[in-house]
Every structure is written in C-alpha cells, then in structure tokens.
C-alpha cells in the first residue's frame, strides 16, 4: 500500500512555509498599532 500526497493542492503544501511569516508580520502590525494609539503624533508643530 502506497501513501498518496498529503495535500491535494500546492497552496496547502505552501502553508507551513508562509504561516510563520504571516504570524511575524501580524505581531509587528499589532505592536505598531498599539504604540501609535498609546502615543498619538503631536500635531502642535509651528508651521
């Protein structure tokens, strides 16, 4: 008995390679978003 492919589509086989990248990008986005909410930009500059 031979085992067939575990994934029926090439995108399914690529998920383990892209998932860590997506998680890292999501964490960076959340950190930047929280930092900007905590420290809003100062718009009181003299022009």
Protein backbone atom coordinates (compact mmCIF):
# COMPACT_ATOMS: atom_id res chain seq x y z
CA UNK A 1 0.00 0.00 0.00
CA UNK A 2 1.49 3.36 -1.05
CA UNK A 3 0.65 6.65 0.54
CA UNK A 4 -0.73 9.36 -1.70
CA UNK A 5 0.09 13.02 -1.42
CA UNK A 6 -0.96 14.61 1.86
CA UNK A 7 -2.19 17.78 0.17
CA UNK A 8 -4.48 17.97 -2.81
CA UNK A 9 -3.40 21.47 -3.77
CA UNK A 10 0.01 23.14 -3.93
CA UNK A 11 -1.21 26.06 -1.78
CA UNK A 12 -1.89 23.63 1.06
CA UNK A 13 1.69 22.40 0.93
CA UNK A 14 2.99 26.00 1.00
CA UNK A 15 1.09 26.96 4.18
CA UNK A 16 3.78 25.70 6.60
CA UNK A 17 6.35 27.93 4.88
CA UNK A 18 4.23 31.11 4.81
CA UNK A 19 2.46 30.78 8.17
CA UNK A 20 5.44 31.86 10.33
CA UNK A 21 5.96 34.92 8.11
CA UNK A 22 2.30 35.88 8.39
CA UNK A 23 2.43 35.50 12.18
CA UNK A 24 5.54 37.69 12.46
CA UNK A 25 4.00 40.40 10.25
CA UNK A 26 0.77 40.29 12.28
CA UNK A 27 2.68 40.71 15.55
CA UNK A 28 4.63 43.68 14.15
CA UNK A 29 1.42 45.32 12.91
CA UNK A 30 -0.26 44.89 16.32
CA UNK A 31 2.76 46.32 18.16
CA UNK A 32 2.95 49.36 15.87
CA UNK A 33 -0.83 49.90 16.09
CA UNK A 34 -0.82 49.73 19.89
CA UNK A 35 2.19 52.05 20.10
CA UNK A 36 0.54 54.64 17.88
CA UNK A 37 -2.65 54.53 19.95
CA UNK A 38 -0.65 54.93 23.15
CA UNK A 39 1.44 57.85 21.82
CA UNK A 40 -0.54 59.87 19.26
CA UNK A 41 1.54 62.10 16.99
CA UNK A 42 1.96 65.67 18.18
CA UNK A 43 0.23 67.97 15.69
CA UNK A 44 1.05 71.17 17.55
CA UNK A 45 4.12 71.94 15.44
CA UNK A 46 4.66 75.51 14.28
CA UNK A 47 4.31 75.82 10.52
